[in-house]
C-alpha atoms as a PDB file:
ATOM      1  CA  MET A   1      16.886  38.886   5.072  1.00  0.00           C
ATOM      2  CA  LEU A   2      20.552  39.198   4.071  1.00  0.00           C
ATOM      3  CA  ASP A   3      19.518  40.267   0.570  1.00  0.00           C
ATOM      4  CA  GLU A   4      17.283  42.955   2.087  1.00  0.00           C
ATOM      5  CA  ILE A   5      20.172  44.313   4.151  1.00  0.00           C
ATOM      6  CA  LYS A   6      22.501  44.286   1.152  1.00  0.00           C
ATOM      7  CA  GLY A   7      19.849  46.116  -0.850  1.00  0.00           C
ATOM      8  CA  ARG A   8      19.583  48.845   1.760  1.00  0.00           C
ATOM      9  CA  PHE A   9      23.277  49.321   2.426  1.00  0.00           C
ATOM     10  CA  GLY A  10      25.025  47.899  -0.613  1.00  0.00           C
ATOM     11  CA  ALA A  11      27.898  45.455  -0.540  1.00  0.00           C
ATOM     12  CA  ILE A  12      30.228  46.209   2.352  1.00  0.00           C
ATOM     13  CA  GLU A  13      33.787  44.970   2.179  1.00  0.00           C
ATOM     14  CA  ARG A  14      34.654  42.709   5.101  1.00  0.00           C
ATOM     15  CA  LEU A  15      37.374  43.514   7.555  1.00  0.00           C
ATOM     16  CA  GLU A  16      40.448  41.318   7.409  1.00  0.00           C
ATOM     17  CA  ALA A  17      42.395  39.953  10.381  1.00  0.00           C
ATOM     18  CA  GLU A  18      45.205  42.361   9.477  1.00  0.00           C
ATOM     19  CA  ASP A  19      42.832  45.304   9.979  1.00  0.00           C
ATOM     20  CA  ILE A  20      42.182  44.262  13.568  1.00  0.00           C
ATOM     21  CA  ALA A  21      45.850  43.413  14.175  1.00  0.00           C
ATOM     22  CA  ASP A  22      46.856  46.886  12.964  1.00  0.00           C
ATOM     23  CA  ASN A  23      44.519  48.473  15.508  1.00  0.00           C
ATOM     24  CA  ILE A  24      45.831  46.284  18.325  1.00  0.00           C
ATOM     25  CA  ALA A  25      49.392  47.223  17.401  1.00  0.00           C
ATOM     26  CA  TYR A  26      48.408  50.892  17.532  1.00  0.00           C
ATOM     27  CA  ILE A  27      46.864  50.491  21.001  1.00  0.00           C
ATOM     28  CA  VAL A  28      49.772  48.620  22.572  1.00  0.00           C
ATOM     29  CA  THR A  29      52.399  50.999  21.195  1.00  0.00           C
ATOM     30  CA  ARG A  30      50.951  54.161  22.778  1.00  0.00           C
ATOM     31  CA  PRO A  31      52.956  55.768  25.563  1.00  0.00           C
ATOM     32  CA  ARG A  32      52.097  54.649  29.115  1.00  0.00           C
ATOM     33  CA  HIS A  33      50.403  57.972  29.853  1.00  0.00           C
ATOM     34  CA  VAL A  34      47.856  57.350  27.066  1.00  0.00           C
ATOM     35  CA  ALA A  35      44.802  55.272  27.947  1.00  0.00           C
ATOM     36  CA  ILE A  36      42.622  53.939  25.161  1.00  0.00           C
ATOM     37  CA  ASN A  37      39.424  52.717  26.760  1.00  0.00           C
ATOM     38  CA  GLU A  38      37.430  51.914  23.650  1.00  0.00           C
ATOM     39  CA  ILE A  39      37.957  51.583  19.941  1.00  0.00           C
ATOM     40  CA  LEU A  40      35.393  51.021  17.211  1.00  0.00           C
ATOM     41  CA  VAL A  41      36.524  49.350  14.010  1.00  0.00           C
ATOM     42  CA  ARG A  42      34.090  48.951  11.146  1.00  0.00           C
ATOM     43  CA  PRO A  43      34.327  48.683   7.385  1.00  0.00           C
ATOM     44  CA  THR A  44      33.615  51.617   5.131  1.00  0.00           C
ATOM     45  CA  GLU A  45      32.464  51.709   1.559  1.00  0.00           C
ATOM     46  CA  GLN A  46      35.794  53.202   0.476  1.00  0.00           C
ATOM     47  CA  GLN A  47      38.023  51.085  -1.703  1.00  0.00           C
ATOM     48  CA  GLY A  48      41.785  51.314  -1.368  1.00  0.00           C
END
């Protein structure tokens, strides 16, 4: 089944712990008047 998914979508680079940590740092450093209720983090097919 995993091979089927990879065939349909290609190889997707995994997120690293630093990617999630960067988003958490962004959330907690917003001013008090800013409320972030949800955030969606997912990998893209872009390579840096």
